[in-house]
N, C-alpha and C. Protein backbone atom coordinates (compact mmCIF):
# COMPACT_ATOMS: atom_id res chain seq x y z
N UNK A 1 19.64 5.15 -66.18
CA UNK A 1 19.46 6.33 -65.37
C UNK A 1 18.69 5.94 -64.11
N UNK A 2 19.10 6.44 -62.94
CA UNK A 2 18.39 6.09 -61.71
C UNK A 2 16.93 6.53 -61.80
N UNK A 3 16.08 5.77 -61.16
CA UNK A 3 14.67 6.11 -61.18
C UNK A 3 14.29 6.78 -59.88
N UNK A 4 13.53 7.83 -60.01
CA UNK A 4 13.02 8.54 -58.86
C UNK A 4 11.53 8.21 -58.83
N UNK A 5 11.13 7.37 -57.90
CA UNK A 5 9.75 6.90 -57.88
C UNK A 5 9.08 7.26 -56.57
N UNK A 6 7.80 7.49 -56.65
CA UNK A 6 7.02 7.69 -55.45
C UNK A 6 6.78 6.33 -54.81
N UNK A 7 6.60 6.31 -53.52
CA UNK A 7 6.44 5.06 -52.79
C UNK A 7 5.21 4.28 -53.21
N UNK A 8 4.27 4.92 -53.88
CA UNK A 8 3.06 4.21 -54.28
C UNK A 8 3.22 3.50 -55.62
N UNK A 9 4.31 3.72 -56.32
CA UNK A 9 4.54 3.06 -57.60
C UNK A 9 5.01 1.63 -57.36
N UNK A 10 4.46 0.68 -58.11
CA UNK A 10 4.85 -0.71 -57.89
C UNK A 10 5.46 -1.35 -59.13
N UNK A 11 5.65 -0.61 -60.22
CA UNK A 11 6.19 -1.17 -61.45
C UNK A 11 7.61 -1.66 -61.27
N UNK A 12 7.86 -2.93 -61.55
CA UNK A 12 9.21 -3.51 -61.58
C UNK A 12 10.01 -3.31 -60.30
N UNK A 13 9.37 -3.19 -59.18
CA UNK A 13 10.09 -3.03 -57.92
C UNK A 13 10.09 -4.36 -57.18
N UNK A 14 11.28 -4.78 -56.74
CA UNK A 14 11.44 -6.00 -55.97
C UNK A 14 10.50 -5.95 -54.76
N UNK A 15 9.92 -7.08 -54.39
CA UNK A 15 8.97 -7.12 -53.27
C UNK A 15 9.59 -6.66 -51.96
N UNK A 16 10.86 -6.99 -51.72
CA UNK A 16 11.53 -6.54 -50.50
C UNK A 16 11.66 -5.02 -50.48
N UNK A 17 11.98 -4.45 -51.63
CA UNK A 17 12.09 -2.99 -51.74
C UNK A 17 10.71 -2.36 -51.55
N UNK A 18 9.71 -2.95 -52.16
CA UNK A 18 8.34 -2.43 -52.02
C UNK A 18 7.90 -2.44 -50.56
N UNK A 19 8.22 -3.51 -49.83
CA UNK A 19 7.88 -3.58 -48.41
C UNK A 19 8.56 -2.45 -47.63
N UNK A 20 9.83 -2.19 -47.94
CA UNK A 20 10.55 -1.10 -47.28
C UNK A 20 9.90 0.24 -47.60
N UNK A 21 9.53 0.46 -48.86
CA UNK A 21 8.90 1.72 -49.25
C UNK A 21 7.58 1.93 -48.51
N UNK A 22 6.80 0.87 -48.38
CA UNK A 22 5.53 0.98 -47.66
C UNK A 22 5.77 1.31 -46.19
N UNK A 23 6.78 0.68 -45.58
CA UNK A 23 7.12 0.96 -44.19
C UNK A 23 7.57 2.40 -44.02
N UNK A 24 8.45 2.86 -44.92
CA UNK A 24 8.93 4.24 -44.86
C UNK A 24 7.77 5.23 -45.00
N UNK A 25 6.87 4.96 -45.93
CA UNK A 25 5.74 5.85 -46.16
C UNK A 25 4.87 5.95 -44.91
N UNK A 26 4.69 4.85 -44.22
CA UNK A 26 3.85 4.84 -43.02
C UNK A 26 4.51 5.58 -41.86
N UNK A 27 5.85 5.58 -41.81
CA UNK A 27 6.56 6.15 -40.66
C UNK A 27 7.05 7.57 -40.86
N UNK A 28 7.05 8.07 -42.11
CA UNK A 28 7.60 9.40 -42.34
C UNK A 28 6.76 10.49 -41.70
N UNK A 29 7.44 11.42 -41.08
CA UNK A 29 6.82 12.61 -40.53
C UNK A 29 6.43 13.51 -41.70
N UNK A 30 5.27 14.09 -41.67
CA UNK A 30 4.78 14.93 -42.76
C UNK A 30 5.68 16.14 -43.00
N UNK A 31 6.45 16.57 -42.00
CA UNK A 31 7.31 17.73 -42.15
C UNK A 31 8.66 17.42 -42.76
N UNK A 32 8.91 16.17 -43.06
CA UNK A 32 10.20 15.77 -43.62
C UNK A 32 10.00 15.35 -45.07
N UNK A 33 10.83 15.88 -45.94
CA UNK A 33 10.76 15.55 -47.36
C UNK A 33 11.91 14.60 -47.70
N UNK A 34 11.58 13.37 -48.10
CA UNK A 34 12.59 12.39 -48.46
C UNK A 34 12.37 11.98 -49.91
N UNK A 35 13.41 12.16 -50.72
CA UNK A 35 13.38 11.68 -52.10
C UNK A 35 14.01 10.30 -52.12
N UNK A 36 13.36 9.38 -52.79
CA UNK A 36 13.85 8.00 -52.85
C UNK A 36 14.24 7.69 -54.29
N UNK A 37 15.47 7.24 -54.46
CA UNK A 37 15.98 6.84 -55.77
C UNK A 37 16.23 5.34 -55.74
N UNK A 38 15.81 4.67 -56.78
CA UNK A 38 16.05 3.23 -56.90
C UNK A 38 17.02 3.03 -58.05
N UNK A 39 18.20 2.52 -57.75
CA UNK A 39 19.21 2.27 -58.77
C UNK A 39 18.79 1.04 -59.55
N UNK A 40 18.96 1.10 -60.85
CA UNK A 40 18.62 -0.01 -61.72
C UNK A 40 19.89 -0.66 -62.25
N UNK A 41 19.84 -1.95 -62.61
CA UNK A 41 21.02 -2.62 -63.17
C UNK A 41 21.57 -1.82 -64.35
N UNK A 42 22.89 -1.66 -64.36
CA UNK A 42 23.54 -0.94 -65.44
C UNK A 42 23.70 0.55 -65.19
N UNK A 43 23.09 1.09 -64.12
CA UNK A 43 23.26 2.51 -63.83
C UNK A 43 24.72 2.81 -63.50
N UNK A 44 25.23 3.87 -64.06
CA UNK A 44 26.59 4.32 -63.86
C UNK A 44 26.66 5.17 -62.59
N UNK A 45 27.71 4.97 -61.79
CA UNK A 45 27.85 5.69 -60.52
C UNK A 45 27.86 7.20 -60.74
N UNK A 46 28.54 7.66 -61.76
CA UNK A 46 28.58 9.10 -62.04
C UNK A 46 27.18 9.64 -62.32
N UNK A 47 26.40 8.90 -63.07
CA UNK A 47 25.03 9.31 -63.38
C UNK A 47 24.19 9.34 -62.11
N UNK A 48 24.35 8.34 -61.25
CA UNK A 48 23.61 8.29 -59.98
C UNK A 48 23.98 9.50 -59.13
N UNK A 49 25.28 9.80 -59.04
CA UNK A 49 25.72 10.94 -58.25
C UNK A 49 25.17 12.25 -58.83
N UNK A 50 25.17 12.38 -60.15
CA UNK A 50 24.64 13.59 -60.79
C UNK A 50 23.15 13.73 -60.52
N UNK A 51 22.42 12.63 -60.62
CA UNK A 51 20.96 12.64 -60.46
C UNK A 51 20.56 12.95 -59.01
N UNK A 52 21.30 12.37 -58.06
CA UNK A 52 20.94 12.52 -56.65
C UNK A 52 21.62 13.70 -55.97
N UNK A 53 22.76 14.12 -56.49
CA UNK A 53 23.53 15.17 -55.85
C UNK A 53 24.33 14.67 -54.66
N UNK A 54 24.47 13.35 -54.54
CA UNK A 54 25.18 12.74 -53.41
C UNK A 54 26.49 12.10 -53.88
N UNK A 55 27.50 12.16 -53.01
CA UNK A 55 28.78 11.52 -53.27
C UNK A 55 28.69 10.07 -52.80
N UNK A 56 28.81 9.12 -53.71
CA UNK A 56 28.69 7.71 -53.34
C UNK A 56 30.05 7.08 -53.09
N UNK A 57 31.02 7.38 -53.94
CA UNK A 57 32.32 6.71 -53.84
C UNK A 57 33.46 7.66 -53.47
N UNK A 58 33.12 8.89 -53.10
CA UNK A 58 34.14 9.82 -52.62
C UNK A 58 33.61 10.50 -51.37
N UNK A 59 34.54 11.01 -50.56
CA UNK A 59 34.07 11.73 -49.38
C UNK A 59 33.46 13.05 -49.81
N UNK A 60 32.82 13.71 -48.89
CA UNK A 60 32.07 14.92 -49.20
C UNK A 60 32.98 16.03 -49.75
N UNK A 61 34.26 16.01 -49.42
CA UNK A 61 35.20 17.02 -49.88
C UNK A 61 35.91 16.61 -51.17
N UNK A 62 35.68 15.38 -51.62
CA UNK A 62 36.31 14.89 -52.84
C UNK A 62 37.78 14.60 -52.70
N UNK A 63 38.25 14.47 -51.45
CA UNK A 63 39.67 14.24 -51.21
C UNK A 63 40.03 12.77 -51.18
N UNK A 64 39.07 11.91 -50.92
CA UNK A 64 39.35 10.50 -50.76
C UNK A 64 38.28 9.70 -51.50
N UNK A 65 38.70 8.69 -52.25
CA UNK A 65 37.77 7.90 -53.05
C UNK A 65 37.94 6.42 -52.72
N UNK A 66 36.82 5.71 -52.64
CA UNK A 66 36.87 4.26 -52.43
C UNK A 66 37.58 3.62 -53.61
N UNK A 67 38.51 2.71 -53.39
CA UNK A 67 38.82 1.89 -52.21
C UNK A 67 40.01 2.38 -51.38
N UNK A 68 40.32 3.68 -51.41
CA UNK A 68 41.39 4.21 -50.58
C UNK A 68 41.14 3.80 -49.13
N UNK A 69 42.16 3.33 -48.41
CA UNK A 69 41.96 2.87 -47.02
C UNK A 69 41.45 3.94 -46.08
N UNK A 70 41.62 5.22 -46.41
CA UNK A 70 41.13 6.30 -45.56
C UNK A 70 39.70 6.71 -45.89
N UNK A 71 39.11 6.10 -46.90
CA UNK A 71 37.76 6.45 -47.33
C UNK A 71 36.72 6.13 -46.25
N UNK A 72 35.79 7.06 -46.06
CA UNK A 72 34.63 6.86 -45.20
C UNK A 72 33.43 7.38 -45.99
N UNK A 73 32.35 6.60 -46.10
CA UNK A 73 31.19 7.07 -46.87
C UNK A 73 30.64 8.38 -46.32
N UNK A 74 30.12 9.21 -47.23
CA UNK A 74 29.59 10.51 -46.81
C UNK A 74 28.12 10.44 -46.41
N UNK A 75 27.49 9.28 -46.56
CA UNK A 75 26.09 9.14 -46.15
C UNK A 75 25.99 9.00 -44.63
N UNK A 76 24.80 9.32 -44.10
CA UNK A 76 24.59 9.18 -42.66
C UNK A 76 24.44 7.72 -42.26
N UNK A 77 23.78 6.95 -43.10
CA UNK A 77 23.53 5.54 -42.81
C UNK A 77 23.67 4.74 -44.10
N UNK A 78 24.26 3.56 -44.00
CA UNK A 78 24.34 2.61 -45.10
C UNK A 78 23.94 1.26 -44.54
N UNK A 79 22.75 0.77 -44.96
CA UNK A 79 22.19 -0.46 -44.40
C UNK A 79 22.15 -1.58 -45.44
N UNK A 80 22.35 -2.79 -44.94
CA UNK A 80 22.23 -4.00 -45.75
C UNK A 80 20.86 -4.61 -45.45
N UNK A 81 20.01 -4.70 -46.46
CA UNK A 81 18.66 -5.25 -46.30
C UNK A 81 18.53 -6.62 -46.96
N UNK A 82 19.63 -7.33 -47.11
CA UNK A 82 19.59 -8.68 -47.68
C UNK A 82 19.75 -8.69 -49.18
N UNK A 83 18.76 -8.22 -49.91
CA UNK A 83 18.84 -8.22 -51.37
C UNK A 83 19.20 -6.85 -51.94
N UNK A 84 19.31 -5.85 -51.07
CA UNK A 84 19.64 -4.50 -51.51
C UNK A 84 20.25 -3.71 -50.36
N UNK A 85 20.90 -2.61 -50.71
CA UNK A 85 21.47 -1.68 -49.73
C UNK A 85 20.65 -0.39 -49.77
N UNK A 86 20.66 0.34 -48.65
CA UNK A 86 20.01 1.65 -48.58
C UNK A 86 21.02 2.64 -48.02
N UNK A 87 21.23 3.71 -48.79
CA UNK A 87 22.09 4.82 -48.35
C UNK A 87 21.18 5.98 -48.02
N UNK A 88 21.37 6.59 -46.84
CA UNK A 88 20.56 7.73 -46.43
C UNK A 88 21.45 8.95 -46.25
N UNK A 89 21.05 10.03 -46.91
CA UNK A 89 21.71 11.32 -46.77
C UNK A 89 20.69 12.28 -46.17
N UNK A 90 21.10 13.08 -45.19
CA UNK A 90 20.19 14.02 -44.53
C UNK A 90 20.73 15.44 -44.72
N UNK A 91 19.84 16.33 -45.18
CA UNK A 91 20.15 17.73 -45.38
C UNK A 91 19.07 18.54 -44.69
N UNK A 92 19.34 19.06 -43.50
CA UNK A 92 18.35 19.80 -42.71
C UNK A 92 17.09 18.96 -42.53
N UNK A 93 15.94 19.43 -43.02
CA UNK A 93 14.69 18.68 -42.90
C UNK A 93 14.41 17.80 -44.12
N UNK A 94 15.35 17.71 -45.02
CA UNK A 94 15.17 16.91 -46.22
C UNK A 94 16.15 15.74 -46.20
N UNK A 95 15.82 14.72 -46.94
CA UNK A 95 16.70 13.57 -47.03
C UNK A 95 16.64 12.94 -48.41
N UNK A 96 17.66 12.17 -48.70
CA UNK A 96 17.70 11.39 -49.93
C UNK A 96 18.04 9.97 -49.53
N UNK A 97 17.22 9.05 -50.00
CA UNK A 97 17.45 7.64 -49.76
C UNK A 97 17.72 6.99 -51.11
N UNK A 98 18.83 6.27 -51.20
CA UNK A 98 19.20 5.60 -52.44
C UNK A 98 19.16 4.11 -52.19
N UNK A 99 18.33 3.42 -52.96
CA UNK A 99 18.18 1.97 -52.83
C UNK A 99 19.02 1.33 -53.93
N UNK A 100 19.94 0.46 -53.53
CA UNK A 100 20.90 -0.14 -54.45
C UNK A 100 20.72 -1.66 -54.43
N UNK A 101 20.06 -2.22 -55.43
CA UNK A 101 19.93 -3.68 -55.50
C UNK A 101 21.30 -4.35 -55.62
N UNK A 102 21.44 -5.52 -55.02
CA UNK A 102 22.71 -6.22 -55.06
C UNK A 102 22.96 -6.90 -56.40
N UNK A 103 21.92 -7.09 -57.18
CA UNK A 103 22.05 -7.77 -58.47
C UNK A 103 22.21 -6.77 -59.60
N UNK A 104 23.25 -6.95 -60.43
CA UNK A 104 23.39 -6.16 -61.64
C UNK A 104 23.92 -4.76 -61.47
N UNK A 105 24.42 -4.44 -60.28
CA UNK A 105 24.89 -3.09 -60.03
C UNK A 105 26.37 -2.91 -60.33
N UNK A 106 26.82 -1.69 -60.19
CA UNK A 106 28.22 -1.35 -60.39
C UNK A 106 29.07 -2.11 -59.36
N UNK A 107 30.06 -2.90 -59.81
CA UNK A 107 30.83 -3.72 -58.87
C UNK A 107 31.59 -2.92 -57.82
N UNK A 108 32.08 -1.74 -58.15
CA UNK A 108 32.82 -0.93 -57.17
C UNK A 108 31.85 -0.39 -56.11
N UNK A 109 30.70 0.09 -56.54
CA UNK A 109 29.69 0.58 -55.60
C UNK A 109 29.22 -0.55 -54.69
N UNK A 110 28.97 -1.72 -55.25
CA UNK A 110 28.53 -2.86 -54.43
C UNK A 110 29.62 -3.29 -53.45
N UNK A 111 30.87 -3.24 -53.86
CA UNK A 111 31.98 -3.58 -52.97
C UNK A 111 32.05 -2.59 -51.80
N UNK A 112 31.88 -1.29 -52.10
CA UNK A 112 31.89 -0.28 -51.04
C UNK A 112 30.74 -0.53 -50.07
N UNK A 113 29.56 -0.80 -50.62
CA UNK A 113 28.40 -1.07 -49.76
C UNK A 113 28.65 -2.29 -48.88
N UNK A 114 29.18 -3.34 -49.46
CA UNK A 114 29.45 -4.56 -48.69
C UNK A 114 30.45 -4.29 -47.56
N UNK A 115 31.42 -3.43 -47.83
CA UNK A 115 32.45 -3.11 -46.84
C UNK A 115 31.90 -2.31 -45.66
N UNK A 116 31.00 -1.36 -45.93
CA UNK A 116 30.59 -0.41 -44.90
C UNK A 116 29.16 -0.58 -44.37
N UNK A 117 28.34 -1.39 -45.02
CA UNK A 117 26.93 -1.49 -44.61
C UNK A 117 26.77 -2.19 -43.27
N UNK A 118 25.76 -1.73 -42.55
CA UNK A 118 25.37 -2.37 -41.29
C UNK A 118 23.97 -2.96 -41.48
N UNK A 119 23.60 -3.88 -40.62
CA UNK A 119 22.23 -4.40 -40.66
C UNK A 119 21.33 -3.44 -39.91
N UNK A 120 20.14 -3.16 -40.44
CA UNK A 120 19.25 -2.20 -39.78
C UNK A 120 18.83 -2.71 -38.39
N UNK A 121 18.61 -1.76 -37.50
CA UNK A 121 18.19 -2.12 -36.13
C UNK A 121 16.71 -1.94 -35.95
């Protein structure tokens, strides 16, 4: 099951992910609520989608699913951070950030991330 952790938790979190969480915590505007989910090895995509409420492998309307050539991710941003990917979804003043480690994850989800991720600027 995906873990929903506060940025101050350090249990079993990769150092690169922990560095990103610390950076995000320092830069977040107090008026914005961002929930951060960290996917763990073996997490099922359907479970992740149910837990987060976000469409990972289908478009927002459910009409197109990866690896269909017309598929476009429904997240606002998908970044490659070297050892993990970050998907960001924005809903008004709230957001959901999903951290997806490259090791031990769902192969279809990792393939989609590899196809569409950009390097952060």
